[in-house]
Amino acid sequence: MTMPTDFIYGKHPVLDFLAHSPKRAEKLYLRQGMPAKVFQDARAICESHAIPIQFVPEPKLASVAGRKANHQGFVLKIATVPYLSLEEGLALVANAQESSKTADAKPSYPAILVLEEIEDPHNLGAMIRTATAVGLSGIIVSSSRQAPLSGAVMKASAGTLGQVPIIRVDEFSDALEALKDRGFHLTGLSMKGSHSIWDLEMNEGPMAFVIGNEGAGLRKKTAEQCDFLVHIPMDARVESLNASVSASVICYEWARQSRFATTSD
């Protein structure tokens, strides 16, 4: 059974996707009349993986990518990323952690990004990009009020969608309890958080960073399930940060602490 298809667009997202996930590429559409030197790298990858290329007029590209999309003459038809179940995703995380252990190394704990009803595809894509950049082990998303894994998400992720396992759950609270049962420290980002992220020790066990909806933030029940609620200190002139920016800050603080812990004496 073939997976449903989607499209990503823009020269650099298309090239990044072809470089990292060529098996999921189905066809590359290029704008007619484009100089060969502009698409030579994409053509080389497509030829090496038997990915068909079709040159089409501008209206065809616009109809696929959207008339306002900056496709730059590149549109790639892809098989969409399949979601994993909670059991499948956590099994992957556990296996990856086990395989990374060495006899003389200090413990290296996984971290997961848990997204509660992120509706903006650009925010979701940016979070996926950050999760990939810092080496997170997985991303959990809700099945309701959640932006789908679309071409817009792929564009915002700069081609990184699919490199970190994405787990979709129907019962968000049950997923949080499952993480707790596996030793994850649930850390929710909230403006009302009693702890600063700079004061939180993030290298003493598996971490799960819970990010709430762009407008409403964390639901009350979700906040109550978290082990910690933390805030990001900021100048009084700024009331809050964008959800994807907040996620980036806490993810990079985890990466900083984790790498220091595994490299220091």
Protein backbone atom coordinates (compact mmCIF):
# COMPACT_ATOMS: atom_id res chain seq x y z
CA MET A 1 0.00 0.00 0.00
CA THR A 2 1.48 3.37 -1.00
CA MET A 3 1.54 6.27 1.43
CA PRO A 4 -0.51 9.40 0.67
CA THR A 5 1.41 12.08 -1.17
CA ASP A 6 2.16 15.73 -0.55
CA PHE A 7 4.33 18.44 -2.04
CA ILE A 8 7.23 20.51 -0.79
CA TYR A 9 8.59 23.53 -2.56
CA GLY A 10 11.54 25.90 -2.63
CA LYS A 11 15.04 25.10 -3.88
CA HIS A 12 16.78 24.51 -0.54
CA PRO A 13 14.00 22.51 1.17
CA VAL A 14 13.75 20.32 -1.94
CA LEU A 15 17.52 19.75 -2.09
CA ASP A 16 17.70 18.97 1.64
CA PHE A 17 14.85 16.50 1.34
CA LEU A 18 16.41 14.78 -1.69
CA ALA A 19 19.74 14.50 0.15
CA HIS A 20 18.27 12.96 3.31
CA SER A 21 15.14 11.08 2.22
CA PRO A 22 15.41 10.24 -1.50
CA LYS A 23 13.36 7.05 -1.11
CA ARG A 24 10.28 9.10 -0.26
CA ALA A 25 10.62 11.38 -3.31
CA GLU A 26 8.18 10.49 -6.11
CA LYS A 27 8.65 13.16 -8.76
CA LEU A 28 10.45 16.49 -9.13
CA TYR A 29 8.68 19.27 -11.01
CA LEU A 30 10.91 22.04 -12.38
CA ARG A 31 9.94 25.27 -14.09
CA GLN A 32 10.35 25.22 -17.85
CA GLY A 33 13.19 27.38 -19.13
CA MET A 34 15.22 27.27 -15.92
CA PRO A 35 19.00 27.36 -16.53
CA ALA A 36 20.57 23.92 -16.10
CA LYS A 37 23.11 25.14 -13.55
CA VAL A 38 20.27 26.08 -11.17
CA PHE A 39 18.96 22.51 -10.86
CA GLN A 40 22.07 20.44 -11.61
CA ASP A 41 22.46 19.25 -7.99
CA ALA A 42 18.83 18.19 -7.80
CA ARG A 43 19.07 16.41 -11.14
CA ALA A 44 22.16 14.49 -10.04
CA ILE A 45 20.39 13.16 -6.93
CA CYS A 46 17.25 12.30 -8.89
CA GLU A 47 19.23 10.42 -11.53
CA SER A 48 21.13 8.42 -8.92
CA HIS A 49 17.87 7.34 -7.25
CA ALA A 50 15.70 6.98 -10.38
CA ILE A 51 13.41 9.84 -9.36
CA PRO A 52 11.55 11.18 -12.42
CA ILE A 53 11.84 14.86 -13.36
CA GLN A 54 9.21 16.79 -15.29
CA PHE A 55 9.57 20.32 -16.64
CA VAL A 56 6.28 22.20 -16.40
CA PRO A 57 5.06 25.77 -17.00
CA GLU A 58 4.82 28.27 -14.16
CA PRO A 59 1.00 27.97 -13.76
CA LYS A 60 1.35 24.25 -13.04
CA LEU A 61 3.87 24.89 -10.25
CA ALA A 62 1.70 27.64 -8.80
CA SER A 63 -1.37 25.40 -8.80
CA VAL A 64 0.50 22.74 -6.81
CA ALA A 65 2.48 24.90 -4.38
CA GLY A 66 -0.08 27.71 -4.04
CA ARG A 67 -0.10 30.99 -5.89
CA LYS A 68 1.56 32.88 -3.05
CA ALA A 69 4.21 30.24 -2.39
CA ASN A 70 7.82 31.12 -3.17
CA HIS A 71 8.59 27.82 -4.92
CA GLN A 72 11.62 29.16 -6.85
CA GLY A 73 10.84 26.76 -9.68
CA PHE A 74 11.17 23.62 -7.51
CA VAL A 75 8.22 21.45 -6.42
CA LEU A 76 8.78 17.89 -5.17
CA LYS A 77 6.04 15.29 -4.86
CA ILE A 78 6.70 13.11 -1.83
CA ALA A 79 5.18 10.31 0.20
CA THR A 80 4.07 11.89 3.47
CA VAL A 81 5.75 10.95 6.73
CA PRO A 82 3.85 8.20 8.54
CA TYR A 83 2.96 8.82 12.16
CA LEU A 84 4.08 6.30 14.75
CA SER A 85 1.95 5.00 17.57
CA LEU A 86 3.06 5.81 21.11
CA GLU A 87 4.30 2.26 21.63
CA GLU A 88 6.26 2.25 18.37
CA GLY A 89 7.82 5.64 19.02
CA LEU A 90 8.87 4.98 22.60
CA ALA A 91 10.31 1.63 21.58
CA LEU A 92 12.50 3.42 19.02
CA VAL A 93 13.63 5.90 21.68
CA ALA A 94 14.50 3.09 24.11
CA ASN A 95 16.41 1.14 21.46
CA ALA A 96 18.38 4.20 20.40
CA GLN A 97 19.31 4.95 24.00
CA GLU A 98 20.41 1.37 24.62
CA SER A 99 22.56 1.23 21.48
CA SER A 100 24.32 4.49 22.40
CA LYS A 101 25.54 3.19 25.77
CA THR A 102 29.23 2.45 26.29
CA ALA A 103 30.96 0.99 29.31
CA ASP A 104 33.01 4.07 30.20
CA ALA A 105 30.74 6.89 29.04
CA LYS A 106 28.60 9.08 31.28
CA PRO A 107 24.83 8.57 30.90
CA SER A 108 23.22 10.29 27.93
CA TYR A 109 19.49 10.67 28.38
CA PRO A 110 16.93 11.19 25.61
CA ALA A 111 14.60 14.16 25.30
CA ILE A 112 11.24 14.41 23.56
CA LEU A 113 9.21 17.39 22.43
CA VAL A 114 5.51 17.09 23.33
CA LEU A 115 3.24 19.44 21.39
CA GLU A 116 -0.31 20.12 22.57
CA GLU A 117 -2.50 21.36 19.72
CA ILE A 118 0.04 23.33 17.66
CA GLU A 119 -2.14 24.69 14.86
CA ASP A 120 0.23 26.84 12.81
CA PRO A 121 2.15 24.76 10.23
CA HIS A 122 5.05 27.23 10.28
CA ASN A 123 5.40 26.82 14.06
CA LEU A 124 5.26 23.05 13.74
CA GLY A 125 7.87 23.04 10.98
CA ALA A 126 10.18 25.29 12.97
CA MET A 127 9.89 23.02 16.00
CA ILE A 128 10.70 19.96 13.92
CA ARG A 129 13.75 21.74 12.55
CA THR A 130 14.93 22.61 16.06
CA ALA A 131 14.29 19.09 17.37
CA THR A 132 16.41 17.70 14.55
CA ALA A 133 19.17 20.25 15.06
CA VAL A 134 19.65 19.52 18.76
CA GLY A 135 19.26 15.74 18.49
CA LEU A 136 15.93 15.12 20.18
CA SER A 137 14.71 11.52 20.11
CA GLY A 138 11.10 12.12 19.14
CA ILE A 139 8.14 14.48 18.85
CA ILE A 140 4.66 13.74 20.19
CA VAL A 141 1.66 15.53 18.69
CA SER A 142 -2.06 15.46 19.40
CA SER A 143 -4.55 14.08 16.90
CA SER A 144 -6.94 17.00 17.50
CA ARG A 145 -6.43 20.68 16.65
CA GLN A 146 -2.98 19.84 15.31
CA ALA A 147 -1.44 21.11 12.07
CA PRO A 148 -1.03 18.16 9.65
CA LEU A 149 2.33 17.19 8.15
CA SER A 150 1.88 19.23 4.99
CA GLY A 151 4.07 20.88 2.39
CA ALA A 152 3.98 24.08 4.46
CA VAL A 153 5.35 22.17 7.45
CA MET A 154 8.08 20.64 5.29
CA LYS A 155 8.99 24.09 3.95
CA ALA A 156 9.22 25.55 7.47
CA SER A 157 11.27 22.56 8.65
CA ALA A 158 13.83 23.24 5.88
CA GLY A 159 13.65 19.63 4.74
CA THR A 160 14.16 18.03 8.17
CA LEU A 161 10.66 16.56 8.47
CA GLY A 162 10.99 12.78 8.78
CA GLN A 163 14.42 12.73 10.41
CA VAL A 164 12.98 12.65 13.96
CA PRO A 165 10.17 10.15 14.71
CA ILE A 166 6.76 11.80 15.06
CA ILE A 167 4.26 10.11 17.35
CA ARG A 168 0.55 10.95 17.17
CA VAL A 169 -1.71 10.24 20.13
CA ASP A 170 -5.49 10.42 20.60
CA GLU A 171 -5.44 10.69 24.38
CA PHE A 172 -2.89 13.34 25.32
CA SER A 173 -3.12 12.79 29.07
CA ASP A 174 -2.57 9.04 28.67
CA ALA A 175 0.57 9.75 26.64
CA LEU A 176 1.92 11.98 29.40
CA GLU A 177 1.33 9.24 31.97
CA ALA A 178 3.08 6.73 29.70
CA LEU A 179 6.10 9.02 29.54
CA LYS A 180 6.14 9.30 33.33
CA ASP A 181 5.99 5.52 33.65
CA ARG A 182 9.13 5.34 31.49
CA GLY A 183 11.02 7.78 33.69
CA PHE A 184 10.60 10.99 31.68
CA HIS A 185 10.50 14.26 33.59
CA LEU A 186 7.55 16.22 32.19
CA THR A 187 8.53 19.86 31.89
CA GLY A 188 5.86 22.29 30.74
CA LEU A 189 6.60 25.73 29.38
CA SER A 190 4.31 28.32 30.95
CA MET A 191 4.40 32.04 31.65
CA LYS A 192 3.18 31.10 35.14
CA GLY A 193 5.98 28.59 35.69
CA SER A 194 7.55 28.79 39.13
CA HIS A 195 11.03 27.86 37.89
CA SER A 196 13.29 29.55 35.36
CA ILE A 197 14.62 27.25 32.64
CA TRP A 198 18.12 28.43 33.63
CA ASP A 199 17.65 26.83 37.08
CA LEU A 200 16.39 23.47 35.83
CA GLU A 201 18.74 20.49 35.79
CA MET A 202 18.09 18.76 32.48
CA ASN A 203 20.78 16.08 32.43
CA GLU A 204 19.65 13.88 35.32
CA GLY A 205 17.20 11.73 33.36
CA PRO A 206 14.98 11.56 30.27
CA MET A 207 13.20 14.85 29.55
CA ALA A 208 9.87 15.64 27.89
CA PHE A 209 9.29 19.31 27.04
CA VAL A 210 5.58 20.11 26.80
CA ILE A 211 4.60 23.08 24.61
CA GLY A 212 1.04 24.38 24.61
CA ASN A 213 -1.22 25.84 21.94
CA GLU A 214 -0.12 29.13 20.37
CA GLY A 215 -3.02 31.09 21.85
CA ALA A 216 -4.26 29.18 24.87
CA GLY A 217 -1.00 27.69 26.13
CA LEU A 218 -1.08 24.51 28.20
CA ARG A 219 -4.47 23.18 29.22
CA LYS A 220 -5.05 23.09 32.98
CA LYS A 221 -5.06 19.29 33.09
CA THR A 222 -1.84 19.11 31.09
CA ALA A 223 -0.13 21.63 33.36
CA GLU A 224 -1.19 19.62 36.42
CA GLN A 225 0.36 16.46 34.97
CA CYS A 226 3.75 18.12 34.46
CA ASP A 227 6.49 17.54 37.03
CA PHE A 228 7.76 21.08 36.52
CA LEU A 229 6.35 24.27 35.04
CA VAL A 230 9.11 26.56 33.84
CA HIS A 231 9.21 30.02 32.31
CA ILE A 232 11.71 31.78 30.07
CA PRO A 233 13.02 34.98 31.69
CA MET A 234 12.68 38.01 29.43
CA ASP A 235 12.72 41.78 29.47
CA ALA A 236 9.58 43.42 30.88
CA ARG A 237 8.94 45.05 27.51
CA VAL A 238 8.13 41.61 26.06
CA GLU A 239 5.09 39.72 27.33
CA SER A 240 5.68 36.37 25.64
CA LEU A 241 7.53 34.52 22.90
CA ASN A 242 6.21 32.65 19.89
CA ALA A 243 5.60 28.95 20.64
CA SER A 244 8.30 27.76 18.26
CA VAL A 245 10.82 30.26 19.66
CA SER A 246 10.06 29.10 23.21
CA ALA A 247 10.54 25.49 22.14
CA SER A 248 13.88 26.39 20.56
CA VAL A 249 15.12 28.08 23.73
CA ILE A 250 14.41 25.13 26.01
CA CYS A 251 15.67 22.58 23.47
CA TYR A 252 18.99 24.37 23.11
CA GLU A 253 19.34 24.74 26.87
CA TRP A 254 18.87 20.96 27.15
CA ALA A 255 21.47 20.42 24.44
CA ARG A 256 23.93 22.77 26.19
CA GLN A 257 23.54 21.03 29.53
CA SER A 258 23.62 17.53 28.06
CA ARG A 259 26.75 18.08 26.02
CA PHE A 260 28.52 19.74 28.92
CA ALA A 261 27.60 16.82 31.19
CA THR A 262 28.95 14.21 28.76
CA THR A 263 32.19 16.03 27.97
CA SER A 264 33.25 17.47 31.35
CA ASP A 265 35.40 15.59 33.82
